[in-house]
Amino acid sequence: MATLFIYPKQGESSTLLLDQESVSIGRSADNTIVLTDPFCSSHHALIFRTPTGFAVRDNGSKNGTYLNGRRLSEPADLARGDEIAVGSARFLFDRPITAAVEVTDHFTATTNINTVIPSRDIISRPATGIRKTAQPETEALRSERQLFAVLNEVSSALLLHKPLQELLEHILDLLGQHLPMDRGVLLLHEGEGRKLIPRVIRVNDPQLLNRTINLSRGILDMAFGEQLSVLTSDASLDPRFRMRDSIIDAGIHSVMCVPLWTNKDIIGVIYADRIIRREPFTDDDLRLLTLLANLAAVKIENALLVEQALEKERMERELLLAAKIQADFLPKKPPPCDTFDIAAKNIPCHEVGGDYYDFLSIDSGRTGVVIADVSGKGVGASLLMASLRAALHSEAGPGHAPPAMVAKLNAFVHKSSASNDFISFFYAELDRENGGLGYVNAGHNPPLLLGSDGEVRWLEGTGLCLGMLGGSAYEFRTEATRPGDLIVLYTDGITESRNPEGEEYGLDRLLAFARANAGASAEAICQCLLQDLAAFTGPVEPADDRTLVVVRRL
């Protein structure tokens, strides 16, 4: 049965046997674990049983739930030794807390009193001893056989795939079996800012459980930054570490630190020390630890690649779902209209995008046409687009005044988005009875109005983009249309697309295409314009979403 080890910031630590289906954590009195913590939400997180073990999820808390230093965005399976942070409280799954790890000291090595060897030399010449004193040949051969026996045993033990955290725990346990140590730490280079993060800590003597493990920054820099395997037979006597509190106060008699080298990159380090054990580490120990760390690094890299592949697969599934949801937001077909022929196309640059078009039935005589472009691309832009759509549908109606409606949308976007987020927005109303056109252009690319007589008008801006300034006002303008007139609404993903020579498609090509195809149906113009654009850009990948709306007066 798994156990949860509970470490509040204030008060005594405790344990909870996980013999129930779920454990709730939060400030509210109805939780299984009640935390009196101002940074904790009323029902902050839930630990629950799964078919294969236990998992944890965040319940939409304000300050988030963290698993091994990463904020949870979805439920995550728990492995032995995982650390959950809720507010200022820490929870360890099925393993008690061992010791805190702190990185201290700033020094530069100036002498070579103890063993400091490039890890590559040890790994590339595994059958060559690194002893400083001569040994009889028989003893050397016996040592080599033992070394390769250990390497073979550890290699076999690491064959089966394990989840990353479970693998890291297993690696340090194996090292402790073959290389007795009082304390060991495995650190990976990861997280925000790419730092060495302790992922597994082992304290093998109860006397040391409450003592902080002070890792010398200098030793870490030598192992990680310079790819050196470092050994101090008595750290307190090494002149490089003399007068360093992290070494002297801890009473450390021997330290080893080696890089986790994958034969391409260094992904972390392994640190081991002896305090209670008076016998120092030897050069042979350093050699063994370096070779084992190299084996472990390759296995860790493979586990990381598997996790990344799984995460990529999960994100791709979510993006496909998001793309489907976004496609459902767009109209399935143009509205029925005897006066105007309408068609539209949207091609996201990524799976989801920030371009938007829509058709609104205002009343029995008017149809609304919308095209918009959210700053940025991807998921963030698509979420802002979805919010805009919801706000638009709540505001548009028979009694609305377009300038006031757009001003409300502007206030909404300004209030609910970041300061650098904005939306170019064009709203038009088509009068199905007399063919009139009224519009508000909030900073959008001016649509083209091409008259049946060849006259060209660009429907210029009547106000700022949505979200730029909270109190912006907007002007409503009108244009008369005649049978055969053509209106082309577009986003800058159309006109700013480039060919291999770096030349933009541009407004001139857009106008020339419209003139040449003005007699075609709106659907044909949409299709053929996008084909013309594809022929122009050739192999160049689109850098922005592309949206096109064509309205033709019948």
Protein backbone atom coordinates (compact mmCIF):
# COMPACT_ATOMS: atom_id res chain seq x y z
CA MET A 1 0.00 0.00 0.00
CA ALA A 2 1.39 3.41 -0.97
CA THR A 3 1.99 6.09 1.65
CA LEU A 4 1.81 9.86 1.32
CA PHE A 5 4.41 11.76 3.38
CA ILE A 6 3.12 15.23 4.34
CA TYR A 7 5.47 18.14 5.16
CA PRO A 8 3.63 21.41 5.94
CA LYS A 9 5.64 24.61 6.21
CA GLN A 10 4.54 24.96 9.82
CA GLY A 11 3.70 22.14 12.19
CA GLU A 12 4.66 18.50 12.38
CA SER A 13 5.11 16.23 9.42
CA SER A 14 2.76 13.25 9.09
CA THR A 15 1.90 10.30 6.89
CA LEU A 16 -1.29 9.09 5.24
CA LEU A 17 -1.84 5.54 4.04
CA LEU A 18 -3.42 5.70 0.58
CA ASP A 19 -6.05 3.04 1.18
CA GLN A 20 -8.94 4.98 -0.35
CA GLU A 21 -9.97 5.89 -3.88
CA SER A 22 -9.07 9.56 -3.60
CA VAL A 23 -7.47 12.11 -1.28
CA SER A 24 -8.49 15.76 -1.54
CA ILE A 25 -6.18 18.58 -0.47
CA GLY A 26 -7.22 22.15 0.30
CA ARG A 27 -8.23 24.80 2.84
CA SER A 28 -11.84 23.70 3.14
CA ALA A 29 -12.72 21.53 6.15
CA ASP A 30 -14.29 18.83 3.96
CA ASN A 31 -10.90 17.85 2.44
CA THR A 32 -9.06 14.69 3.43
CA ILE A 33 -5.98 16.83 4.10
CA VAL A 34 -6.80 20.31 5.37
CA LEU A 35 -4.10 22.97 4.91
CA THR A 36 -4.25 26.33 6.71
CA ASP A 37 -2.25 28.02 4.01
CA PRO A 38 -3.19 31.35 2.35
CA PHE A 39 -1.62 30.16 -0.92
CA CYS A 40 -3.84 27.08 -1.01
CA SER A 41 -7.29 27.06 -2.65
CA SER A 42 -10.36 25.63 -0.90
CA HIS A 43 -10.25 22.44 -2.98
CA HIS A 44 -6.76 22.70 -4.39
CA ALA A 45 -5.73 19.25 -5.64
CA LEU A 46 -6.77 15.61 -5.74
CA ILE A 47 -4.72 12.43 -5.51
CA PHE A 48 -6.71 9.53 -6.92
CA ARG A 49 -6.35 5.86 -7.68
CA THR A 50 -5.87 4.67 -11.27
CA PRO A 51 -5.81 1.16 -12.77
CA THR A 52 -2.00 1.19 -12.54
CA GLY A 53 -1.41 3.16 -9.31
CA PHE A 54 -2.11 6.75 -8.30
CA ALA A 55 -2.26 10.11 -10.08
CA VAL A 56 -2.56 13.75 -9.05
CA ARG A 57 -4.50 16.60 -10.62
CA ASP A 58 -4.93 20.29 -9.97
CA ASN A 59 -8.52 21.41 -9.34
CA GLY A 60 -8.19 24.75 -11.10
CA SER A 61 -6.39 26.31 -8.13
CA LYS A 62 -5.25 29.90 -8.24
CA ASN A 63 -1.58 29.22 -7.50
CA GLY A 64 -1.26 25.84 -9.16
CA THR A 65 -0.13 22.39 -8.13
CA TYR A 66 3.47 21.39 -8.89
CA LEU A 67 4.86 17.91 -9.51
CA ASN A 68 8.65 17.68 -9.27
CA GLY A 69 8.87 21.42 -9.90
CA ARG A 70 6.56 21.51 -12.93
CA ARG A 71 3.13 23.09 -12.80
CA LEU A 72 0.40 20.60 -13.63
CA SER A 73 -1.79 21.34 -16.63
CA GLU A 74 -3.44 17.92 -16.63
CA PRO A 75 -3.56 14.84 -14.37
CA ALA A 76 -0.20 13.08 -13.99
CA ASP A 77 0.69 9.59 -12.81
CA LEU A 78 2.72 9.37 -9.61
CA ALA A 79 5.97 7.43 -9.23
CA ARG A 80 7.73 6.58 -6.00
CA GLY A 81 9.65 9.59 -4.71
CA ASP A 82 7.61 12.18 -6.66
CA GLU A 83 7.22 15.49 -4.86
CA ILE A 84 3.92 17.41 -4.96
CA ALA A 85 3.85 21.07 -3.92
CA VAL A 86 0.53 22.61 -2.83
CA GLY A 87 0.97 26.16 -1.59
CA SER A 88 3.88 26.00 0.86
CA ALA A 89 3.27 22.33 1.76
CA ARG A 90 5.23 19.44 0.27
CA PHE A 91 4.02 15.89 -0.24
CA LEU A 92 6.21 12.94 -1.16
CA PHE A 93 4.64 9.92 -2.75
CA ASP A 94 5.64 6.61 -1.16
CA ARG A 95 9.07 7.80 -0.04
CA PRO A 96 9.95 10.03 2.92
CA ILE A 97 11.88 13.22 2.41
CA THR A 98 15.60 12.69 2.75
CA ALA A 99 17.51 15.95 2.82
CA ALA A 100 17.44 19.37 1.29
CA VAL A 101 20.00 20.20 -1.36
CA GLU A 102 21.66 23.59 -1.65
CA VAL A 103 24.32 24.74 -4.09
CA THR A 104 26.94 26.96 -2.48
CA ASP A 105 30.54 28.12 -3.04
CA HIS A 106 32.08 30.07 -5.85
CA PHE A 107 35.62 29.08 -6.57
CA THR A 108 38.06 28.41 -9.36
CA ALA A 109 40.29 25.35 -9.21
CA THR A 110 43.94 26.36 -9.23
CA THR A 111 45.80 23.16 -8.30
CA ASN A 112 45.54 19.46 -9.01
CA ILE A 113 45.99 17.90 -5.58
CA ASN A 114 43.24 15.29 -5.91
CA THR A 115 42.11 13.30 -8.91
CA VAL A 116 40.54 15.41 -11.67
CA ILE A 117 40.30 13.55 -14.99
CA PRO A 118 38.44 14.33 -18.22
CA SER A 119 35.51 11.92 -18.32
CA ARG A 120 36.14 11.23 -22.00
CA ASP A 121 39.52 9.75 -21.12
CA ILE A 122 37.98 7.28 -18.69
CA ILE A 123 35.14 6.30 -21.03
CA SER A 124 37.28 6.03 -24.16
CA ARG A 125 39.90 3.86 -22.38
CA PRO A 126 37.87 1.67 -20.01
CA ALA A 127 40.55 -1.00 -19.79
CA THR A 128 43.30 1.38 -18.72
CA GLY A 129 43.73 1.96 -15.01
CA ILE A 130 43.95 5.45 -13.56
CA ARG A 131 45.81 4.46 -10.42
CA LYS A 132 48.55 6.70 -9.18
CA THR A 133 50.49 3.80 -7.61
CA ALA A 134 51.62 0.61 -9.29
CA GLN A 135 49.73 -2.59 -8.50
CA PRO A 136 50.64 -6.21 -9.17
CA GLU A 137 49.36 -7.40 -12.50
CA THR A 138 47.13 -10.06 -10.95
CA GLU A 139 45.40 -7.49 -8.76
CA ALA A 140 44.97 -5.16 -11.73
CA LEU A 141 43.38 -7.94 -13.77
CA ARG A 142 41.13 -8.87 -10.87
CA SER A 143 40.06 -5.23 -10.56
CA GLU A 144 39.30 -5.06 -14.30
CA ARG A 145 37.19 -8.21 -14.14
CA GLN A 146 35.22 -6.83 -11.21
CA LEU A 147 34.74 -3.55 -13.04
CA PHE A 148 33.34 -5.19 -16.16
CA ALA A 149 31.19 -7.52 -14.07
CA VAL A 150 29.60 -4.50 -12.39
CA LEU A 151 29.15 -2.70 -15.73
CA ASN A 152 27.52 -5.79 -17.21
CA GLU A 153 25.19 -6.17 -14.22
CA VAL A 154 24.14 -2.52 -14.31
CA SER A 155 23.69 -2.63 -18.10
CA SER A 156 21.38 -5.64 -17.74
CA ALA A 157 19.45 -3.94 -14.93
CA LEU A 158 18.84 -0.90 -17.15
CA LEU A 159 17.59 -2.80 -20.20
CA LEU A 160 13.87 -2.56 -19.45
CA HIS A 161 12.12 0.74 -20.09
CA LYS A 162 10.92 2.65 -17.04
CA PRO A 163 9.23 6.06 -16.69
CA LEU A 164 11.83 8.78 -16.24
CA GLN A 165 11.52 9.41 -12.51
CA GLU A 166 11.37 5.69 -11.73
CA LEU A 167 14.47 5.21 -13.88
CA LEU A 168 16.37 7.95 -12.05
CA GLU A 169 15.49 6.38 -8.69
CA HIS A 170 16.61 2.98 -9.99
CA ILE A 171 19.92 4.36 -11.25
CA LEU A 172 20.89 5.88 -7.91
CA ASP A 173 19.85 2.72 -6.09
CA LEU A 174 22.08 0.64 -8.39
CA LEU A 175 25.00 3.00 -7.85
CA GLY A 176 24.56 2.73 -4.09
CA GLN A 177 24.65 -1.07 -4.30
CA HIS A 178 27.97 -1.16 -6.14
CA LEU A 179 29.59 1.98 -4.78
CA PRO A 180 28.83 2.47 -1.06
CA MET A 181 28.17 6.11 -0.25
CA ASP A 182 26.66 8.02 2.63
CA ARG A 183 24.76 10.42 0.39
CA GLY A 184 24.11 10.67 -3.30
CA VAL A 185 22.35 13.17 -5.55
CA LEU A 186 21.41 12.87 -9.22
CA LEU A 187 20.88 16.25 -10.88
CA LEU A 188 19.53 16.92 -14.37
CA HIS A 189 20.06 20.08 -16.40
CA GLU A 190 16.49 21.14 -17.08
CA GLY A 191 13.58 23.43 -16.18
CA GLU A 192 13.15 27.15 -16.66
CA GLY A 193 16.52 28.81 -16.98
CA ARG A 194 18.18 25.42 -17.61
CA LYS A 195 19.68 24.75 -14.19
CA LEU A 196 20.97 21.65 -12.43
CA ILE A 197 17.89 20.35 -10.62
CA PRO A 198 18.16 17.59 -7.97
CA ARG A 199 15.87 14.80 -9.19
CA VAL A 200 16.88 11.98 -6.80
CA ILE A 201 18.46 12.21 -3.32
CA ARG A 202 19.72 9.27 -1.30
CA VAL A 203 20.80 9.50 2.35
CA ASN A 204 21.91 6.08 3.53
CA ASP A 205 22.60 6.85 7.19
CA PRO A 206 19.74 8.00 9.50
CA GLN A 207 22.14 10.35 11.30
CA LEU A 208 22.35 12.48 8.15
CA LEU A 209 18.64 12.72 7.28
CA ASN A 210 18.13 16.19 8.72
CA ARG A 211 21.36 17.67 7.40
CA THR A 212 21.32 19.80 4.26
CA ILE A 213 23.46 18.51 1.41
CA ASN A 214 25.58 21.50 0.43
CA LEU A 215 26.88 20.92 -3.09
CA SER A 216 29.96 22.92 -3.96
CA ARG A 217 29.23 25.03 -7.01
CA GLY A 218 32.88 24.69 -7.97
CA ILE A 219 32.71 20.90 -8.06
CA LEU A 220 29.47 21.04 -10.07
CA ASP A 221 31.04 23.49 -12.52
CA MET A 222 34.02 21.22 -13.04
CA ALA A 223 31.84 18.15 -13.65
CA PHE A 224 29.12 19.78 -15.73
CA GLY A 225 30.88 22.71 -17.34
CA GLU A 226 34.28 21.13 -17.99
CA GLN A 227 33.25 17.46 -18.28
CA LEU A 228 35.65 16.41 -15.54
CA SER A 229 35.37 13.51 -13.13
CA VAL A 230 36.30 14.95 -9.73
CA LEU A 231 37.52 13.09 -6.63
CA THR A 232 38.64 14.53 -3.30
CA SER A 233 40.02 11.93 -0.93
CA ASP A 234 39.62 14.36 1.97
CA ALA A 235 37.69 17.40 0.86
CA SER A 236 38.43 19.32 4.02
CA LEU A 237 42.18 19.18 3.20
CA ASP A 238 41.91 20.07 -0.50
CA PRO A 239 43.21 23.64 -0.97
CA ARG A 240 40.58 24.28 -3.65
CA PHE A 241 37.81 23.79 -1.08
CA ARG A 242 39.62 25.10 2.01
CA MET A 243 37.62 27.61 4.03
CA ARG A 244 34.46 26.62 2.23
CA ASP A 245 31.68 26.17 4.74
CA SER A 246 29.83 23.64 2.58
CA ILE A 247 32.82 21.28 2.84
CA ILE A 248 34.36 22.03 6.25
CA ASP A 249 31.15 22.33 8.31
CA ALA A 250 29.68 19.19 6.80
CA GLY A 251 32.74 17.21 7.81
CA ILE A 252 32.92 15.63 4.37
CA HIS A 253 35.83 13.22 4.10
CA SER A 254 35.47 12.29 0.45
CA VAL A 255 33.53 13.55 -2.56
CA MET A 256 33.03 12.35 -6.12
CA CYS A 257 31.18 14.19 -8.84
CA VAL A 258 30.95 13.03 -12.46
CA PRO A 259 29.04 14.23 -15.52
CA LEU A 260 26.11 12.39 -17.03
CA TRP A 261 27.54 12.32 -20.55
CA THR A 262 25.53 10.77 -23.39
CA ASN A 263 28.55 10.73 -25.75
CA LYS A 264 27.04 13.88 -27.29
CA ASP A 265 25.83 16.14 -24.49
CA ILE A 266 26.11 16.48 -20.73
CA ILE A 267 22.60 16.22 -19.29
CA GLY A 268 23.43 16.39 -15.58
CA VAL A 269 25.77 15.15 -12.86
CA ILE A 270 25.96 12.51 -10.14
CA TYR A 271 27.36 13.54 -6.76
CA ALA A 272 28.38 11.17 -3.95
CA ASP A 273 30.06 11.79 -0.61
CA ARG A 274 31.19 9.97 2.50
CA ILE A 275 30.83 11.49 5.95
CA ILE A 276 30.15 8.67 8.38
CA ARG A 277 32.31 6.25 6.44
CA ARG A 278 35.91 7.13 7.17
CA GLU A 279 37.31 5.26 4.17
CA PRO A 280 37.67 7.73 1.28
CA PHE A 281 36.68 7.09 -2.31
CA THR A 282 39.51 5.79 -4.49
CA ASP A 283 40.56 6.42 -8.06
CA ASP A 284 38.98 3.09 -8.98
CA ASP A 285 35.72 4.28 -7.44
CA LEU A 286 35.88 7.42 -9.58
CA ARG A 287 36.50 5.35 -12.66
CA LEU A 288 33.57 3.06 -11.88
CA LEU A 289 31.22 5.95 -11.15
CA THR A 290 32.21 7.69 -14.40
CA LEU A 291 31.53 4.58 -16.49
CA LEU A 292 28.25 3.86 -14.73
CA ALA A 293 27.19 7.48 -15.17
CA ASN A 294 27.87 7.19 -18.88
CA LEU A 295 25.65 4.08 -19.09
CA ALA A 296 22.98 5.84 -17.05
CA ALA A 297 23.15 9.01 -19.16
CA VAL A 298 22.41 7.13 -22.37
CA LYS A 299 19.47 5.39 -20.73
CA ILE A 300 18.19 8.68 -19.28
CA GLU A 301 18.46 10.32 -22.69
CA ASN A 302 16.38 7.51 -24.20
CA ALA A 303 13.77 7.89 -21.45
CA LEU A 304 13.66 11.64 -22.06
CA LEU A 305 13.16 11.05 -25.78
CA VAL A 306 10.31 8.63 -25.04
CA GLU A 307 8.69 11.17 -22.72
CA GLN A 308 9.12 13.91 -25.30
CA ALA A 309 7.59 11.69 -27.99
CA LEU A 310 4.63 10.90 -25.74
CA GLU A 311 4.22 14.57 -24.87
CA LYS A 312 4.41 15.52 -28.55
CA GLU A 313 1.80 12.89 -29.37
CA ARG A 314 -0.45 14.19 -26.60
CA MET A 315 -0.06 17.78 -27.78
CA GLU A 316 -0.78 16.77 -31.38
CA ARG A 317 -3.99 15.06 -30.25
CA GLU A 318 -4.98 18.16 -28.30
CA LEU A 319 -4.15 20.43 -31.23
CA LEU A 320 -6.22 18.28 -33.58
CA LEU A 321 -9.10 18.51 -31.14
CA ALA A 322 -8.58 22.28 -30.83
CA ALA A 323 -8.50 22.58 -34.63
CA LYS A 324 -11.79 20.71 -34.87
CA ILE A 325 -13.36 22.93 -32.20
CA GLN A 326 -12.10 26.04 -33.97
CA ALA A 327 -13.40 24.80 -37.33
CA ASP A 328 -16.78 24.29 -35.68
CA PHE A 329 -16.76 27.97 -34.69
CA LEU A 330 -16.59 29.03 -38.33
CA PRO A 331 -19.76 28.99 -40.46
CA LYS A 332 -20.36 25.72 -42.28
CA LYS A 333 -21.78 27.58 -45.28
CA PRO A 334 -22.68 31.13 -46.30
CA PRO A 335 -26.12 32.41 -45.29
CA PRO A 336 -28.90 32.24 -47.89
CA CYS A 337 -29.18 35.60 -49.64
CA ASP A 338 -30.95 36.61 -52.87
CA THR A 339 -29.01 39.86 -53.19
CA PHE A 340 -25.43 38.76 -52.56
CA ASP A 341 -23.32 35.73 -53.46
CA ILE A 342 -21.00 34.98 -50.50
CA ALA A 343 -18.10 32.55 -49.99
CA ALA A 344 -15.21 32.24 -47.52
CA LYS A 345 -12.09 30.17 -46.85
CA ASN A 346 -9.79 29.90 -43.83
CA ILE A 347 -6.36 28.19 -43.82
CA PRO A 348 -4.57 28.26 -40.44
CA CYS A 349 -0.79 28.55 -40.51
CA HIS A 350 -0.58 26.00 -37.69
CA GLU A 351 -3.19 23.50 -36.47
CA VAL A 352 -5.09 26.39 -34.91
CA GLY A 353 -4.88 30.07 -35.66
CA GLY A 354 -6.08 33.56 -34.92
CA ASP A 355 -7.93 34.43 -38.13
CA TYR A 356 -11.70 34.55 -37.95
CA TYR A 357 -14.66 35.13 -40.21
CA ASP A 358 -18.37 34.89 -39.54
CA PHE A 359 -21.84 35.61 -40.89
CA LEU A 360 -24.61 37.00 -38.68
CA SER A 361 -28.32 37.19 -39.33
CA ILE A 362 -29.07 40.63 -37.89
CA ASP A 363 -32.74 40.80 -38.86
CA SER A 364 -34.97 39.94 -41.80
CA GLY A 365 -33.25 42.51 -44.03
CA ARG A 366 -29.62 42.60 -42.91
CA THR A 367 -26.71 40.14 -42.90
CA GLY A 368 -23.53 40.79 -40.95
CA VAL A 369 -20.14 39.81 -42.39
CA VAL A 370 -17.06 39.70 -40.15
CA ILE A 371 -13.37 39.14 -40.76
CA ALA A 372 -10.73 39.52 -38.04
CA ASP A 373 -7.08 38.77 -37.37
CA VAL A 374 -5.76 38.22 -33.84
CA SER A 375 -2.16 39.28 -33.25
CA GLY A 376 0.09 36.23 -33.02
CA LYS A 377 -0.53 32.65 -34.07
CA GLY A 378 -1.26 29.30 -32.53
CA VAL A 379 -3.26 28.31 -29.46
CA GLY A 380 -3.12 31.69 -27.68
CA ALA A 381 -4.47 33.52 -30.73
CA SER A 382 -7.20 30.92 -31.24
CA LEU A 383 -8.38 31.29 -27.62
CA LEU A 384 -8.62 35.07 -28.00
CA MET A 385 -10.50 34.56 -31.26
CA ALA A 386 -12.97 32.24 -29.52
CA SER A 387 -13.54 34.89 -26.82
CA LEU A 388 -14.14 37.54 -29.49
CA ARG A 389 -16.65 35.31 -31.26
CA ALA A 390 -18.60 34.75 -28.04
CA ALA A 391 -18.66 38.47 -27.27
CA LEU A 392 -19.71 39.35 -30.83
CA HIS A 393 -22.63 36.90 -30.84
CA SER A 394 -23.85 38.30 -27.53
CA GLU A 395 -23.77 41.89 -28.80
CA ALA A 396 -25.06 41.62 -32.38
CA GLY A 397 -28.82 41.81 -32.81
CA PRO A 398 -31.72 43.67 -34.40
CA GLY A 399 -31.45 46.75 -32.20
CA HIS A 400 -27.68 47.15 -32.06
CA ALA A 401 -25.76 50.16 -33.38
CA PRO A 402 -22.53 48.96 -35.10
CA PRO A 403 -20.23 51.71 -33.69
CA ALA A 404 -21.42 51.06 -30.12
CA MET A 405 -21.15 47.31 -30.60
CA VAL A 406 -17.56 47.53 -31.86
CA ALA A 407 -16.68 49.89 -28.99
CA LYS A 408 -17.97 47.27 -26.53
CA LEU A 409 -15.94 44.59 -28.24
CA ASN A 410 -12.88 46.82 -28.01
CA ALA A 411 -13.42 47.36 -24.29
CA PHE A 412 -13.84 43.61 -23.78
CA VAL A 413 -10.64 42.72 -25.65
CA HIS A 414 -8.69 45.49 -23.90
CA LYS A 415 -9.82 44.27 -20.48
CA SER A 416 -9.47 40.53 -21.01
CA SER A 417 -6.16 40.25 -22.92
CA ALA A 418 -2.51 41.16 -22.48
CA SER A 419 -1.31 44.66 -23.36
CA ASN A 420 0.42 43.42 -26.53
CA ASP A 421 -2.64 41.50 -27.78
CA PHE A 422 -4.97 43.17 -30.25
CA ILE A 423 -7.35 42.24 -33.05
CA SER A 424 -7.82 43.84 -36.44
CA PHE A 425 -11.57 43.65 -37.06
CA PHE A 426 -13.86 44.45 -39.97
CA TYR A 427 -17.62 44.35 -39.60
CA ALA A 428 -19.98 44.91 -42.52
CA GLU A 429 -23.76 44.91 -42.79
CA LEU A 430 -25.30 43.96 -46.12
CA ASP A 431 -28.76 45.30 -46.82
CA ARG A 432 -30.50 42.50 -48.67
CA GLU A 433 -33.30 44.77 -49.86
CA ASN A 434 -31.42 47.63 -51.53
CA GLY A 435 -27.86 46.25 -51.75
CA GLY A 436 -26.44 48.83 -49.36
CA LEU A 437 -23.20 48.27 -47.48
CA GLY A 438 -22.37 49.72 -44.06
CA TYR A 439 -19.15 48.95 -42.23
CA VAL A 440 -16.81 49.59 -39.31
CA ASN A 441 -13.12 48.94 -39.93
CA ALA A 442 -11.18 48.57 -36.66
CA GLY A 443 -7.64 48.63 -38.00
CA HIS A 444 -8.11 45.79 -40.48
CA ASN A 445 -6.61 45.54 -43.94
CA PRO A 446 -8.87 47.68 -46.16
CA PRO A 447 -11.22 45.36 -48.09
CA LEU A 448 -11.42 45.85 -51.84
CA LEU A 449 -14.69 47.10 -53.35
CA LEU A 450 -14.40 46.63 -57.12
CA GLY A 451 -17.28 48.17 -59.02
CA SER A 452 -18.81 46.52 -62.09
CA ASP A 453 -17.64 49.63 -63.99
CA GLY A 454 -14.02 49.06 -62.90
CA GLU A 455 -14.03 51.68 -60.13
CA VAL A 456 -11.77 50.70 -57.20
CA ARG A 457 -12.53 51.65 -53.61
CA TRP A 458 -10.65 50.50 -50.51
CA LEU A 459 -12.72 50.40 -47.31
CA GLU A 460 -10.22 52.16 -45.07
CA GLY A 461 -10.04 52.11 -41.28
CA THR A 462 -12.62 53.90 -39.14
CA GLY A 463 -10.94 53.26 -35.76
CA LEU A 464 -8.11 51.49 -33.95
CA CYS A 465 -7.64 47.73 -33.66
CA LEU A 466 -9.65 46.10 -30.88
CA GLY A 467 -7.77 46.06 -27.59
CA MET A 468 -5.30 48.86 -28.29
CA LEU A 469 -7.05 51.55 -26.22
CA GLY A 470 -9.93 50.90 -23.86
CA GLY A 471 -11.99 53.96 -24.79
CA SER A 472 -11.68 53.99 -28.58
CA ALA A 473 -14.61 55.29 -30.68
CA TYR A 474 -15.57 53.96 -34.12
CA GLU A 475 -17.19 55.48 -37.20
CA PHE A 476 -19.84 53.69 -39.28
CA ARG A 477 -19.57 54.36 -43.02
CA THR A 478 -21.82 53.38 -45.90
CA GLU A 479 -21.27 52.54 -49.56
CA ALA A 480 -23.77 51.87 -52.33
CA THR A 481 -23.31 48.71 -54.38
CA ARG A 482 -24.58 47.83 -57.83
CA PRO A 483 -25.14 44.47 -59.52
CA GLY A 484 -21.79 42.94 -60.44
CA ASP A 485 -19.85 44.80 -57.73
CA LEU A 486 -17.27 42.65 -55.93
CA ILE A 487 -16.10 42.94 -52.30
CA VAL A 488 -12.95 41.06 -51.25
CA LEU A 489 -12.16 40.82 -47.54
CA TYR A 490 -8.78 39.30 -46.60
CA THR A 491 -6.22 39.00 -43.81
CA ASP A 492 -2.58 39.98 -44.22
CA GLY A 493 -1.67 36.30 -44.50
CA ILE A 494 -2.91 36.66 -48.10
CA THR A 495 -1.25 39.88 -49.20
CA GLU A 496 1.98 39.43 -47.20
CA SER A 497 2.72 35.90 -48.43
CA ARG A 498 6.09 35.77 -50.17
CA ASN A 499 7.59 33.84 -53.06
CA PRO A 500 11.06 32.25 -52.93
CA GLU A 501 12.61 35.56 -54.00
CA GLY A 502 11.05 37.31 -50.99
CA GLU A 503 8.49 39.29 -53.03
CA GLU A 504 5.04 39.83 -51.46
CA TYR A 505 1.83 38.83 -53.19
CA GLY A 506 0.60 42.35 -52.42
CA LEU A 507 -2.47 44.44 -53.12
CA ASP A 508 -1.67 44.96 -56.79
CA ARG A 509 -1.84 41.22 -57.53
CA LEU A 510 -4.99 40.93 -55.44
CA LEU A 511 -6.62 43.73 -57.47
CA ALA A 512 -5.41 42.31 -60.79
CA PHE A 513 -6.82 38.89 -59.92
CA ALA A 514 -10.15 40.42 -58.88
CA ARG A 515 -10.40 42.36 -62.16
CA ALA A 516 -9.63 39.25 -64.22
CA ASN A 517 -12.20 37.11 -62.39
CA ALA A 518 -14.88 39.62 -61.46
CA GLY A 519 -17.57 37.74 -63.40
CA ALA A 520 -17.02 34.41 -61.59
CA SER A 521 -18.99 33.19 -58.59
CA ALA A 522 -17.83 34.07 -55.08
CA GLU A 523 -16.90 30.42 -54.45
CA ALA A 524 -14.86 30.21 -57.67
CA ILE A 525 -13.05 33.46 -56.86
CA CYS A 526 -12.13 32.11 -53.39
CA GLN A 527 -10.83 28.83 -54.75
CA CYS A 528 -8.93 30.32 -57.68
CA LEU A 529 -7.37 33.14 -55.67
CA LEU A 530 -5.94 30.67 -53.16
CA GLN A 531 -4.64 28.55 -56.05
CA ASP A 532 -3.03 31.65 -57.58
CA LEU A 533 -1.46 32.45 -54.21
CA ALA A 534 -0.11 28.89 -53.88
CA ALA A 535 1.42 29.09 -57.36
CA PHE A 536 3.02 32.43 -56.45
CA THR A 537 4.54 31.28 -53.14
CA GLY A 538 5.65 27.86 -54.44
CA PRO A 539 7.55 25.87 -51.79
CA VAL A 540 7.64 28.71 -49.26
CA GLU A 541 5.74 27.69 -46.11
CA PRO A 542 3.04 30.16 -45.03
CA ALA A 543 4.12 32.39 -42.16
CA ASP A 544 0.61 33.49 -41.18
CA ASP A 545 -3.01 32.36 -41.24
CA ARG A 546 -4.86 33.02 -44.50
CA THR A 547 -8.52 34.00 -44.59
CA LEU A 548 -10.58 35.21 -47.51
CA VAL A 549 -14.22 36.34 -47.73
CA VAL A 550 -15.72 37.23 -51.13
CA VAL A 551 -19.07 39.01 -51.52
CA ARG A 552 -20.54 39.60 -54.99
CA ARG A 553 -23.64 41.70 -55.63
CA LEU A 554 -26.08 39.73 -57.76
